Protein backbone atom coordinates (compact mmCIF):
# COMPACT_ATOMS: atom_id res chain seq x y z
CA MET A 1 58.65 25.23 -45.65
CA THR A 2 55.04 23.97 -46.48
CA TYR A 3 53.44 20.91 -47.45
CA ASP A 4 50.42 19.95 -49.51
CA LEU A 5 48.12 19.14 -46.22
CA ALA A 6 44.98 18.28 -48.53
CA LYS A 7 46.75 15.54 -50.36
CA TRP A 8 48.53 14.18 -47.14
CA ALA A 9 45.00 14.02 -45.34
CA THR A 10 43.52 12.41 -48.32
CA GLU A 11 46.09 9.59 -49.04
CA ALA A 12 46.02 9.13 -45.05
CA ARG A 13 42.31 8.37 -44.92
CA LYS A 14 42.66 6.21 -48.05
CA ALA A 15 45.46 4.21 -46.49
CA ALA A 16 43.42 3.69 -43.49
CA GLY A 17 40.53 2.33 -46.09
CA MET A 18 38.02 4.64 -44.53
CA THR A 19 35.24 6.74 -46.04
CA GLN A 20 34.95 10.47 -45.21
CA GLU A 21 31.94 9.75 -42.84
CA ASP A 22 33.93 7.13 -40.97
CA PHE A 23 37.08 9.50 -40.78
CA ALA A 24 34.99 12.37 -39.61
CA LEU A 25 33.44 10.04 -36.66
CA GLU A 26 36.99 8.91 -35.63
CA LEU A 27 38.27 12.45 -35.80
CA GLY A 28 35.23 13.86 -33.57
CA PHE A 29 34.00 15.93 -36.44
CA SER A 30 30.21 16.14 -36.69
CA THR A 31 29.77 15.61 -40.44
CA LYS A 32 32.01 14.68 -43.26
CA ALA A 33 32.03 18.21 -44.57
CA SER A 34 34.93 19.02 -42.41
CA VAL A 35 37.05 16.09 -43.75
CA ASN A 36 35.74 17.35 -47.34
CA ALA A 37 37.05 20.80 -46.47
CA ILE A 38 40.30 19.44 -45.48
CA GLU A 39 41.01 17.43 -48.42
CA LYS A 40 39.87 19.94 -50.98
CA GLY A 41 42.42 22.52 -49.28
CA ARG A 42 39.69 24.77 -48.10
CA ASN A 43 40.69 24.26 -44.40
CA LYS A 44 44.10 23.43 -42.89
CA PRO A 45 44.03 20.87 -40.20
CA THR A 46 45.58 21.84 -36.76
CA PHE A 47 48.60 20.10 -35.25
CA GLU A 48 46.10 18.27 -33.06
CA THR A 49 44.03 16.93 -35.73
CA MET A 50 47.11 15.88 -37.78
CA VAL A 51 48.36 13.86 -34.90
CA LYS A 52 44.85 12.26 -34.83
CA ILE A 53 45.07 11.48 -38.71
CA SER A 54 48.29 9.76 -38.20
CA GLU A 55 47.29 7.95 -35.04
CA ILE A 56 44.12 6.57 -36.86
CA SER A 57 45.48 5.62 -40.37
CA GLY A 58 49.12 4.74 -39.33
CA PHE A 59 50.39 7.23 -42.13
CA PRO A 60 53.27 9.38 -41.20
CA LEU A 61 52.91 13.08 -40.41
CA PRO A 62 53.84 15.09 -43.43
CA TYR A 63 57.28 16.47 -41.93
CA GLN A 64 58.19 12.70 -41.22
CA GLU A 65 57.48 11.49 -44.55
CA THR A 66 59.13 14.13 -46.60
CA PHE A 67 62.35 14.73 -44.12
CA PRO A 68 63.00 11.64 -42.17
CA LYS A 69 65.35 12.51 -39.08
CA LYS A 70 68.32 10.57 -40.26
CA LEU A 71 71.78 10.85 -39.11
CA LEU A 72 73.64 13.10 -41.37
CA PRO A 73 76.90 12.75 -43.24
CA GLU A 74 78.78 15.71 -44.03
CA ASP A 75 76.77 17.66 -46.11
CA SER A 76 76.01 21.21 -47.57
CA ASP A 77 75.36 22.58 -43.82
CA GLY A 78 78.59 21.51 -42.91
CA LEU A 79 77.21 19.04 -40.27
CA ALA A 80 79.51 16.21 -39.17
CA ASP A 81 78.10 12.62 -38.91
CA ASP A 82 77.82 12.72 -35.12
CA ARG A 83 74.86 15.36 -35.68
CA VAL A 84 71.05 14.86 -36.15
CA ARG A 85 68.93 17.55 -37.54
CA PHE A 86 65.27 18.16 -36.97
CA GLU A 87 62.52 20.48 -38.04
CA ARG A 88 61.23 22.84 -35.59
CA LEU A 89 57.47 23.62 -36.30
CA ASP A 90 55.80 26.73 -35.47
CA VAL A 91 53.60 24.78 -32.95
CA VAL A 92 53.28 25.97 -29.18
CA ALA A 93 52.63 23.96 -26.23
CA ALA A 94 51.45 26.09 -23.29
CA LEU A 95 53.09 25.68 -19.75
CA GLY A 96 49.80 27.16 -18.35
CA ASP A 97 46.70 28.05 -20.33
CA GLY A 98 46.06 26.28 -23.52
CA TYR A 99 47.68 27.63 -26.55
CA ILE A 100 45.46 27.56 -29.97
CA ASN A 101 47.79 27.06 -32.74
CA ASN A 102 47.46 28.46 -36.30
CA GLU A 103 46.03 25.87 -38.53
CA ALA A 104 48.79 26.18 -41.24
CA VAL A 105 51.75 24.44 -39.59
CA GLU A 106 55.09 25.26 -41.00
CA VAL A 107 58.87 24.55 -40.48
CA VAL A 108 60.49 27.28 -38.99
CA ASP A 109 64.01 26.37 -38.53
CA PHE A 110 66.19 23.51 -37.84
CA VAL A 111 67.74 22.11 -34.25
CA HIS A 112 71.00 20.15 -34.48
CA VAL A 113 71.59 17.83 -31.64
CA ASP A 114 74.33 15.51 -30.69
CA LYS A 115 73.76 12.06 -32.10
CA GLU A 116 74.57 10.10 -28.61
CA TRP A 117 72.26 12.67 -26.97
CA ALA A 118 69.44 11.83 -29.55
CA ARG A 119 69.73 8.21 -29.20
CA GLU A 120 69.79 8.13 -25.33
CA LYS A 121 67.18 10.52 -24.71
CA LEU A 122 64.76 10.49 -27.61
CA GLY A 123 64.79 6.75 -28.60
CA GLY A 124 65.71 4.71 -31.53
CA ASN A 125 62.53 5.85 -33.63
CA LEU A 126 63.90 9.50 -34.47
CA SER A 127 61.35 9.83 -37.22
CA ARG A 128 58.46 10.22 -34.70
CA ILE A 129 60.08 12.95 -33.08
CA GLN A 130 58.77 16.50 -33.62
CA VAL A 131 60.28 19.53 -32.21
CA ILE A 132 58.00 22.42 -31.13
CA THR A 133 58.22 25.38 -28.60
CA ALA A 134 57.11 25.77 -24.97
CA ARG A 135 55.55 28.88 -23.61
CA GLY A 136 54.64 29.80 -19.98
CA ASP A 137 56.07 29.07 -16.54
CA SER A 138 53.77 26.49 -15.14
CA MET A 139 56.59 23.78 -15.59
CA GLN A 140 59.29 25.82 -14.36
CA GLY A 141 62.21 24.00 -13.09
CA THR A 142 61.90 21.23 -15.59
CA ILE A 143 60.88 23.30 -18.89
CA GLU A 144 61.15 26.87 -19.36
CA ASP A 145 59.43 29.34 -21.16
CA GLY A 146 60.99 29.17 -24.88
CA ASP A 147 62.67 25.92 -24.38
CA VAL A 148 62.23 23.54 -27.55
CA LEU A 149 60.51 20.42 -26.61
CA PHE A 150 61.41 16.84 -28.50
CA VAL A 151 57.87 15.15 -28.73
CA ASP A 152 57.55 11.59 -29.37
CA THR A 153 54.35 11.68 -31.45
CA SER A 154 53.96 7.88 -31.58
CA VAL A 155 52.72 8.05 -27.73
CA HIS A 156 48.77 8.38 -27.75
CA SER A 157 48.08 6.78 -24.34
CA PHE A 158 49.23 7.12 -20.56
CA GLU A 159 52.61 4.76 -20.44
CA GLY A 160 53.71 5.88 -16.88
CA GLU A 161 54.88 9.07 -15.12
CA GLY A 162 56.18 11.63 -17.75
CA ILE A 163 55.49 14.83 -19.47
CA TYR A 164 52.86 14.60 -22.00
CA LEU A 165 51.60 16.82 -24.75
CA LEU A 166 48.00 17.01 -24.22
CA SER A 167 45.16 18.46 -26.19
CA PHE A 168 42.29 20.53 -24.59
CA ALA A 169 39.52 22.53 -25.55
CA ASP A 170 41.64 25.68 -25.06
CA GLY A 171 44.69 24.34 -26.86
CA LEU A 172 47.66 22.27 -26.52
CA LYS A 173 49.44 22.02 -23.00
CA ALA A 174 52.56 20.38 -21.94
CA LYS A 175 52.00 18.73 -18.30
CA ARG A 176 53.34 15.83 -16.12
CA LEU A 177 50.91 12.94 -15.85
CA GLN A 178 51.08 10.46 -12.91
CA ALA A 179 48.64 7.79 -11.96
CA SER A 180 46.41 8.48 -9.03
CA VAL A 181 45.33 6.15 -6.34
CA GLY A 182 41.64 6.12 -7.73
CA GLY A 183 42.59 4.95 -11.11
CA GLY A 184 42.37 8.51 -12.79
CA LEU A 185 45.39 10.73 -13.81
CA LEU A 186 46.96 13.54 -11.96
CA VAL A 187 47.69 16.60 -14.11
CA ILE A 188 50.61 18.18 -12.41
CA SER A 189 52.45 21.32 -12.94
CA ASP A 190 56.13 21.20 -11.57
CA ASN A 191 55.99 24.81 -10.67
CA PRO A 192 54.22 24.53 -7.03
CA LEU A 193 52.65 27.91 -7.65
CA TYR A 194 50.24 25.89 -9.97
CA ARG A 195 47.72 23.43 -8.59
CA THR A 196 47.41 19.87 -9.50
CA GLU A 197 44.29 18.75 -11.38
CA THR A 198 42.58 15.19 -11.57
CA ILE A 199 41.14 13.55 -14.56
CA GLU A 200 38.60 10.69 -13.78
CA GLY A 201 35.97 9.09 -15.07
CA GLU A 202 34.74 10.52 -18.37
CA GLY A 203 37.36 12.93 -18.28
CA LEU A 204 39.90 10.11 -19.16
CA GLU A 205 37.71 9.33 -22.23
CA LYS A 206 38.28 12.76 -23.51
CA LEU A 207 41.70 13.23 -23.00
CA THR A 208 43.79 13.47 -26.02
CA ILE A 209 47.69 12.65 -25.67
CA CYS A 210 49.17 14.09 -28.63
CA GLY A 211 52.69 12.67 -27.56
CA LYS A 212 55.13 12.50 -24.75
CA VAL A 213 58.16 14.91 -24.17
CA ARG A 214 61.18 13.18 -24.57
CA GLY A 215 63.49 16.10 -23.75
CA ALA A 216 63.63 19.83 -23.66
CA TRP A 217 66.51 22.24 -24.80
CA HIS A 218 66.80 26.05 -23.79
CA LEU A 219 68.22 27.82 -27.14
CA SER A 220 69.27 31.38 -26.77
CA GLY A 221 67.57 33.66 -28.82
CA PHE A 222 64.18 32.10 -28.37
């Protein structure tokens, strides 16, 4: 399943009441040409850029807009009303070195979960949950290679210790964040074979939080 990302990006910018120049500045682009290329369909935004667009504009991600994560009644899929269906995107969060995702984000399949589990673990706003895939072993013991991650994309700042989806120059990573004594943030890998990093000062300003991981599941066949 694909979406008209050019139309979505244009509508999001207009909803924010911003020019292409202003939008480019907020997104960290050097010129409006990058925004224009997205809106004309010449370039497709990365998942990280799409999350930033949604955050800046308050406009829902296209997957959230066209397929709300509603509780499903009995339907053609044979799902009972105690299940919730989520779209899984072809987006990878690295559990080690960052992962550069393809520009064209697509829905690859669906994940069906228990309604009570979803409400307890994922919170009340299921429309903000995106399901992606984890790769690597740095969070081993908490998140395994191939697990699906339920990411709350409404979270864009540190709100206490937890596992967050982070965007770095080398791609997306899922790491545990914890406040440090000096006012910075500790970037922790739950696998003790990996060292803990500290982000302070200007590094905090450059840190991009794309969401908070609310849950992880291992599905056979991944």
